[in-house]
Amino acid sequence: ALAAARHRALRDAVRRLPGRCPRLMEALLSPRDLTYREIAGELGISQGSLGPERSRCLGCLRRLLTPEVAAR
């Protein structure tokens, strides 16, 4: 039950991310095991900008999840 609640909280937080972050995070977590080249192609960005974009999105995700984690 706890694992399901955490998974749900993560999914909800990913959906609240700004810009293309939800699509990027979904692609990174996809069971399709996409390469950076494939993800960049799907998002229409350069492969070189994928790493910085991922870092920015993870920072946003961390800020969204911190209050939820602290409340438990």
PDB file of N, CA and C in Angstrom:
ATOM      1  N   ALA A   1       0.829  -1.195   0.000  1.00  0.00           N
ATOM      2  CA  ALA A   1       0.000   0.000   0.000  1.00  0.00           C
ATOM      3  C   ALA A   1       0.872   1.257   0.000  1.00  0.00           C
ATOM      4  N   LEU A   2       1.962   1.237   0.769  1.00  0.00           N
ATOM      5  CA  LEU A   2       2.852   2.396   0.820  1.00  0.00           C
ATOM      6  C   LEU A   2       3.530   2.618  -0.529  1.00  0.00           C
ATOM      7  N   ALA A   3       3.971   1.534  -1.162  1.00  0.00           N
ATOM      8  CA  ALA A   3       4.614   1.646  -2.472  1.00  0.00           C
ATOM      9  C   ALA A   3       3.639   2.213  -3.495  1.00  0.00           C
ATOM     10  N   ALA A   4       2.397   1.787  -3.449  1.00  0.00           N
ATOM     11  CA  ALA A   4       1.384   2.292  -4.379  1.00  0.00           C
ATOM     12  C   ALA A   4       1.137   3.781  -4.147  1.00  0.00           C
ATOM     13  N   ALA A   5       1.116   4.199  -2.897  1.00  0.00           N
ATOM     14  CA  ALA A   5       0.913   5.616  -2.576  1.00  0.00           C
ATOM     15  C   ALA A   5       2.088   6.456  -3.070  1.00  0.00           C
ATOM     16  N   ARG A   6       3.284   5.955  -2.908  1.00  0.00           N
ATOM     17  CA  ARG A   6       4.472   6.677  -3.402  1.00  0.00           C
ATOM     18  C   ARG A   6       4.449   6.779  -4.917  1.00  0.00           C
ATOM     19  N   HIS A   7       4.091   5.686  -5.571  1.00  0.00           N
ATOM     20  CA  HIS A   7       4.022   5.672  -7.034  1.00  0.00           C
ATOM     21  C   HIS A   7       2.982   6.691  -7.515  1.00  0.00           C
ATOM     22  N   ARG A   8       1.842   6.734  -6.864  1.00  0.00           N
ATOM     23  CA  ARG A   8       0.776   7.669  -7.219  1.00  0.00           C
ATOM     24  C   ARG A   8       1.248   9.113  -7.008  1.00  0.00           C
ATOM     25  N   ALA A   9       1.933   9.378  -5.895  1.00  0.00           N
ATOM     26  CA  ALA A   9       2.442  10.723  -5.616  1.00  0.00           C
ATOM     27  C   ALA A   9       3.461  11.143  -6.670  1.00  0.00           C
ATOM     28  N   LEU A  10       4.314  10.221  -7.083  1.00  0.00           N
ATOM     29  CA  LEU A  10       5.305  10.518  -8.116  1.00  0.00           C
ATOM     30  C   LEU A  10       4.620  10.833  -9.435  1.00  0.00           C
ATOM     31  N   ARG A  11       3.669  10.005  -9.833  1.00  0.00           N
ATOM     32  CA  ARG A  11       2.935  10.234 -11.089  1.00  0.00           C
ATOM     33  C   ARG A  11       2.214  11.584 -11.063  1.00  0.00           C
ATOM     34  N   ASP A  12       1.565  11.903  -9.949  1.00  0.00           N
ATOM     35  CA  ASP A  12       0.856  13.181  -9.823  1.00  0.00           C
ATOM     36  C   ASP A  12       1.826  14.354  -9.929  1.00  0.00           C
ATOM     37  N   ALA A  13       2.977  14.238  -9.284  1.00  0.00           N
ATOM     38  CA  ALA A  13       3.979  15.309  -9.328  1.00  0.00           C
ATOM     39  C   ALA A  13       4.530  15.477 -10.738  1.00  0.00           C
ATOM     40  N   VAL A  14       4.784  14.379 -11.439  1.00  0.00           N
ATOM     41  CA  VAL A  14       5.295  14.455 -12.817  1.00  0.00           C
ATOM     42  C   VAL A  14       4.294  15.194 -13.697  1.00  0.00           C
ATOM     43  N   ARG A  15       3.018  14.944 -13.513  1.00  0.00           N
ATOM     44  CA  ARG A  15       1.985  15.618 -14.316  1.00  0.00           C
ATOM     45  C   ARG A  15       1.936  17.122 -14.047  1.00  0.00           C
ATOM     46  N   ARG A  16       2.363  17.546 -12.866  1.00  0.00           N
ATOM     47  CA  ARG A  16       2.336  18.973 -12.508  1.00  0.00           C
ATOM     48  C   ARG A  16       3.598  19.719 -12.931  1.00  0.00           C
ATOM     49  N   LEU A  17       4.572  19.035 -13.470  1.00  0.00           N
ATOM     50  CA  LEU A  17       5.814  19.688 -13.879  1.00  0.00           C
ATOM     51  C   LEU A  17       5.552  20.669 -15.022  1.00  0.00           C
ATOM     52  N   PRO A  18       6.378  21.719 -15.122  1.00  0.00           N
ATOM     53  CA  PRO A  18       6.181  22.720 -16.176  1.00  0.00           C
ATOM     54  C   PRO A  18       6.717  22.261 -17.530  1.00  0.00           C
ATOM     55  N   GLY A  19       6.229  22.922 -18.576  1.00  0.00           N
ATOM     56  CA  GLY A  19       6.749  22.746 -19.929  1.00  0.00           C
ATOM     57  C   GLY A  19       6.767  21.321 -20.422  1.00  0.00           C
ATOM     58  N   ARG A  20       7.906  20.951 -21.006  1.00  0.00           N
ATOM     59  CA  ARG A  20       8.021  19.603 -21.567  1.00  0.00           C
ATOM     60  C   ARG A  20       8.523  18.578 -20.553  1.00  0.00           C
ATOM     61  N   CYS A  21       8.673  19.003 -19.302  1.00  0.00           N
ATOM     62  CA  CYS A  21       9.167  18.086 -18.270  1.00  0.00           C
ATOM     63  C   CYS A  21       8.313  16.828 -18.109  1.00  0.00           C
ATOM     64  N   PRO A  22       6.976  16.929 -18.124  1.00  0.00           N
ATOM     65  CA  PRO A  22       6.212  15.683 -17.995  1.00  0.00           C
ATOM     66  C   PRO A  22       6.532  14.683 -19.107  1.00  0.00           C
ATOM     67  N   ARG A  23       6.624  15.179 -20.336  1.00  0.00           N
ATOM     68  CA  ARG A  23       6.948  14.284 -21.458  1.00  0.00           C
ATOM     69  C   ARG A  23       8.348  13.706 -21.319  1.00  0.00           C
ATOM     70  N   LEU A  24       9.298  14.530 -20.885  1.00  0.00           N
ATOM     71  CA  LEU A  24      10.670  14.062 -20.716  1.00  0.00           C
ATOM     72  C   LEU A  24      10.751  12.994 -19.634  1.00  0.00           C
ATOM     73  N   MET A  25      10.120  13.238 -18.498  1.00  0.00           N
ATOM     74  CA  MET A  25      10.177  12.267 -17.404  1.00  0.00           C
ATOM     75  C   MET A  25       9.480  10.964 -17.787  1.00  0.00           C
ATOM     76  N   GLU A  26       8.347  11.064 -18.483  1.00  0.00           N
ATOM     77  CA  GLU A  26       7.656   9.856 -18.941  1.00  0.00           C
ATOM     78  C   GLU A  26       8.555   9.061 -19.885  1.00  0.00           C
ATOM     79  N   ALA A  27       9.256   9.760 -20.779  1.00  0.00           N
ATOM     80  CA  ALA A  27      10.152   9.079 -21.717  1.00  0.00           C
ATOM     81  C   ALA A  27      11.316   8.417 -20.981  1.00  0.00           C
ATOM     82  N   LEU A  28      11.879   9.116 -19.996  1.00  0.00           N
ATOM     83  CA  LEU A  28      13.002   8.552 -19.243  1.00  0.00           C
ATOM     84  C   LEU A  28      12.587   7.337 -18.416  1.00  0.00           C
ATOM     85  N   LEU A  29      11.355   7.343 -17.927  1.00  0.00           N
ATOM     86  CA  LEU A  29      10.862   6.250 -17.089  1.00  0.00           C
ATOM     87  C   LEU A  29      10.117   5.183 -17.889  1.00  0.00           C
ATOM     88  N   SER A  30      10.077   5.346 -19.182  1.00  0.00           N
ATOM     89  CA  SER A  30       9.317   4.445 -20.046  1.00  0.00           C
ATOM     90  C   SER A  30       9.881   3.026 -20.035  1.00  0.00           C
ATOM     91  N   PRO A  31       9.013   2.032 -20.044  1.00  0.00           N
ATOM     92  CA  PRO A  31       9.487   0.644 -20.152  1.00  0.00           C
ATOM     93  C   PRO A  31      10.081   0.346 -21.529  1.00  0.00           C
ATOM     94  N   ARG A  32       9.926   1.293 -22.469  1.00  0.00           N
ATOM     95  CA  ARG A  32      10.499   1.100 -23.812  1.00  0.00           C
ATOM     96  C   ARG A  32      12.019   1.239 -23.808  1.00  0.00           C
ATOM     97  N   ASP A  33      12.593   1.736 -22.702  1.00  0.00           N
ATOM     98  CA  ASP A  33      14.048   1.863 -22.568  1.00  0.00           C
ATOM     99  C   ASP A  33      14.649   2.648 -23.736  1.00  0.00           C
ATOM    100  N   LEU A  34      14.166   3.877 -23.925  1.00  0.00           N
ATOM    101  CA  LEU A  34      14.599   4.727 -25.023  1.00  0.00           C
ATOM    102  C   LEU A  34      16.009   5.261 -24.799  1.00  0.00           C
ATOM    103  N   THR A  35      16.732   5.462 -25.886  1.00  0.00           N
ATOM    104  CA  THR A  35      18.046   6.098 -25.813  1.00  0.00           C
ATOM    105  C   THR A  35      17.853   7.614 -25.731  1.00  0.00           C
ATOM    106  N   TYR A  36      18.918   8.327 -25.340  1.00  0.00           N
ATOM    107  CA  TYR A  36      18.847   9.786 -25.319  1.00  0.00           C
ATOM    108  C   TYR A  36      18.530  10.312 -26.718  1.00  0.00           C
ATOM    109  N   ARG A  37      19.085   9.710 -27.732  1.00  0.00           N
ATOM    110  CA  ARG A  37      18.831  10.141 -29.116  1.00  0.00           C
ATOM    111  C   ARG A  37      17.340  10.015 -29.448  1.00  0.00           C
ATOM    112  N   GLU A  38      16.734   8.897 -29.060  1.00  0.00           N
ATOM    113  CA  GLU A  38      15.310   8.681 -29.331  1.00  0.00           C
ATOM    114  C   GLU A  38      14.440   9.667 -28.552  1.00  0.00           C
ATOM    115  N   ILE A  39      14.795   9.896 -27.295  1.00  0.00           N
ATOM    116  CA  ILE A  39      14.029  10.840 -26.472  1.00  0.00           C
ATOM    117  C   ILE A  39      14.139  12.249 -27.047  1.00  0.00           C
ATOM    118  N   ALA A  40      15.346  12.654 -27.407  1.00  0.00           N
ATOM    119  CA  ALA A  40      15.549  13.978 -27.994  1.00  0.00           C
ATOM    120  C   ALA A  40      14.726  14.121 -29.269  1.00  0.00           C
ATOM    121  N   GLY A  41      14.705  13.078 -30.095  1.00  0.00           N
ATOM    122  CA  GLY A  41      13.909  13.107 -31.318  1.00  0.00           C
ATOM    123  C   GLY A  41      12.428  13.253 -31.031  1.00  0.00           C
ATOM    124  N   GLU A  42      11.933  12.529 -30.043  1.00  0.00           N
ATOM    125  CA  GLU A  42      10.511  12.613 -29.681  1.00  0.00           C
ATOM    126  C   GLU A  42      10.138  13.995 -29.157  1.00  0.00           C
ATOM    127  N   LEU A  43      11.060  14.618 -28.413  1.00  0.00           N
ATOM    128  CA  LEU A  43      10.780  15.927 -27.818  1.00  0.00           C
ATOM    129  C   LEU A  43      11.124  17.084 -28.749  1.00  0.00           C
ATOM    130  N   GLY A  44      11.835  16.790 -29.833  1.00  0.00           N
ATOM    131  CA  GLY A  44      12.220  17.838 -30.767  1.00  0.00           C
ATOM    132  C   GLY A  44      13.298  18.758 -30.225  1.00  0.00           C
ATOM    133  N   ILE A  45      14.206  18.206 -29.407  1.00  0.00           N
ATOM    134  CA  ILE A  45      15.318  18.986 -28.870  1.00  0.00           C
ATOM    135  C   ILE A  45      16.621  18.273 -29.214  1.00  0.00           C
ATOM    136  N   SER A  46      17.735  18.985 -29.068  1.00  0.00           N
ATOM    137  CA  SER A  46      19.020  18.363 -29.367  1.00  0.00           C
ATOM    138  C   SER A  46      19.391  17.380 -28.261  1.00  0.00           C
ATOM    139  N   GLN A  47      20.154  16.390 -28.640  1.00  0.00           N
ATOM    140  CA  GLN A  47      20.595  15.390 -27.672  1.00  0.00           C
ATOM    141  C   GLN A  47      21.457  16.041 -26.585  1.00  0.00           C
ATOM    142  N   GLY A  48      22.227  17.050 -26.952  1.00  0.00           N
ATOM    143  CA  GLY A  48      23.089  17.739 -25.996  1.00  0.00           C
ATOM    144  C   GLY A  48      22.330  18.527 -24.941  1.00  0.00           C
ATOM    145  N   SER A  49      21.123  18.967 -25.266  1.00  0.00           N
ATOM    146  CA  SER A  49      20.345  19.737 -24.287  1.00  0.00           C
ATOM    147  C   SER A  49      19.513  18.839 -23.382  1.00  0.00           C
ATOM    148  N   LEU A  50      19.498  17.546 -23.655  1.00  0.00           N
ATOM    149  CA  LEU A  50      18.681  16.619 -22.878  1.00  0.00           C
ATOM    150  C   LEU A  50      19.164  16.506 -21.426  1.00  0.00           C
ATOM    151  N   GLY A  51      20.469  16.437 -21.213  1.00  0.00           N
ATOM    152  CA  GLY A  51      21.010  16.324 -19.855  1.00  0.00           C
ATOM    153  C   GLY A  51      20.659  17.520 -18.984  1.00  0.00           C
ATOM    154  N   PRO A  52      20.928  18.756 -19.455  1.00  0.00           N
ATOM    155  CA  PRO A  52      20.555  19.929 -18.656  1.00  0.00           C
ATOM    156  C   PRO A  52      19.042  20.027 -18.427  1.00  0.00           C
ATOM    157  N   GLU A  53      18.264  19.678 -19.440  1.00  0.00           N
ATOM    158  CA  GLU A  53      16.804  19.705 -19.299  1.00  0.00           C
ATOM    159  C   GLU A  53      16.353  18.683 -18.254  1.00  0.00           C
ATOM    160  N   ARG A  54      16.955  17.511 -18.286  1.00  0.00           N
ATOM    161  CA  ARG A  54      16.640  16.457 -17.312  1.00  0.00           C
ATOM    162  C   ARG A  54      16.961  16.943 -15.899  1.00  0.00           C
ATOM    163  N   SER A  55      18.112  17.574 -15.724  1.00  0.00           N
ATOM    164  CA  SER A  55      18.500  18.094 -14.406  1.00  0.00           C
ATOM    165  C   SER A  55      17.513  19.139 -13.909  1.00  0.00           C
ATOM    166  N   ARG A  56      17.090  20.032 -14.797  1.00  0.00           N
ATOM    167  CA  ARG A  56      16.123  21.066 -14.429  1.00  0.00           C
ATOM    168  C   ARG A  56      14.793  20.427 -14.019  1.00  0.00           C
ATOM    169  N   CYS A  57      14.345  19.446 -14.794  1.00  0.00           N
ATOM    170  CA  CYS A  57      13.075  18.770 -14.498  1.00  0.00           C
ATOM    171  C   CYS A  57      13.149  18.001 -13.181  1.00  0.00           C
ATOM    172  N   LEU A  58      14.268  17.343 -12.929  1.00  0.00           N
ATOM    173  CA  LEU A  58      14.422  16.611 -11.668  1.00  0.00           C
ATOM    174  C   LEU A  58      14.418  17.565 -10.474  1.00  0.00           C
ATOM    175  N   GLY A  59      15.022  18.745 -10.647  1.00  0.00           N
ATOM    176  CA  GLY A  59      14.992  19.749  -9.583  1.00  0.00           C
ATOM    177  C   GLY A  59      13.570  20.204  -9.290  1.00  0.00           C
ATOM    178  N   CYS A  60      12.802  20.440 -10.346  1.00  0.00           N
ATOM    179  CA  CYS A  60      11.395  20.819 -10.174  1.00  0.00           C
ATOM    180  C   CYS A  60      10.623  19.700  -9.489  1.00  0.00           C
ATOM    181  N   LEU A  61      10.873  18.474  -9.900  1.00  0.00           N
ATOM    182  CA  LEU A  61      10.185  17.321  -9.315  1.00  0.00           C
ATOM    183  C   LEU A  61      10.523  17.195  -7.829  1.00  0.00           C
ATOM    184  N   ARG A  62      11.780  17.402  -7.504  1.00  0.00           N
ATOM    185  CA  ARG A  62      12.218  17.329  -6.104  1.00  0.00           C
ATOM    186  C   ARG A  62      11.488  18.378  -5.260  1.00  0.00           C
ATOM    187  N   ARG A  63      11.379  19.601  -5.792  1.00  0.00           N
ATOM    188  CA  ARG A  63      10.689  20.664  -5.055  1.00  0.00           C
ATOM    189  C   ARG A  63       9.202  20.350  -4.886  1.00  0.00           C
ATOM    190  N   LEU A  64       8.597  19.732  -5.883  1.00  0.00           N
ATOM    191  CA  LEU A  64       7.183  19.357  -5.773  1.00  0.00           C
ATOM    192  C   LEU A  64       6.967  18.249  -4.750  1.00  0.00           C
ATOM    193  N   LEU A  65       7.878  17.295  -4.712  1.00  0.00           N
ATOM    194  CA  LEU A  65       7.702  16.134  -3.844  1.00  0.00           C
ATOM    195  C   LEU A  65       8.108  16.398  -2.399  1.00  0.00           C
ATOM    196  N   THR A  66       9.002  17.333  -2.152  1.00  0.00           N
ATOM    197  CA  THR A  66       9.497  17.571  -0.800  1.00  0.00           C
ATOM    198  C   THR A  66       8.379  17.857   0.199  1.00  0.00           C
ATOM    199  N   PRO A  67       7.428  18.738  -0.096  1.00  0.00           N
ATOM    200  CA  PRO A  67       6.340  18.959   0.875  1.00  0.00           C
ATOM    201  C   PRO A  67       5.487  17.703   1.095  1.00  0.00           C
ATOM    202  N   GLU A  68       5.262  16.930   0.038  1.00  0.00           N
ATOM    203  CA  GLU A  68       4.461  15.714   0.160  1.00  0.00           C
ATOM    204  C   GLU A  68       5.171  14.670   1.005  1.00  0.00           C
ATOM    205  N   VAL A  69       6.479  14.540   0.806  1.00  0.00           N
ATOM    206  CA  VAL A  69       7.252  13.564   1.574  1.00  0.00           C
ATOM    207  C   VAL A  69       7.310  13.989   3.036  1.00  0.00           C
ATOM    208  N   ALA A  70       7.489  15.285   3.280  1.00  0.00           N
ATOM    209  CA  ALA A  70       7.579  15.789   4.652  1.00  0.00           C
ATOM    210  C   ALA A  70       6.264  15.609   5.409  1.00  0.00           C
ATOM    211  N   ALA A  71       5.153  15.596   4.686  1.00  0.00           N
ATOM    212  CA  ALA A  71       3.839  15.469   5.327  1.00  0.00           C
ATOM    213  C   ALA A  71       3.540  14.044   5.769  1.00  0.00           C
ATOM    214  N   ARG A  72       4.348  13.083   5.340  1.00  0.00           N
ATOM    215  CA  ARG A  72       4.078  11.671   5.675  1.00  0.00           C
ATOM    216  C   ARG A  72       4.800  11.235   6.910  1.00  0.00           C
TER     217      ARG A  72
END
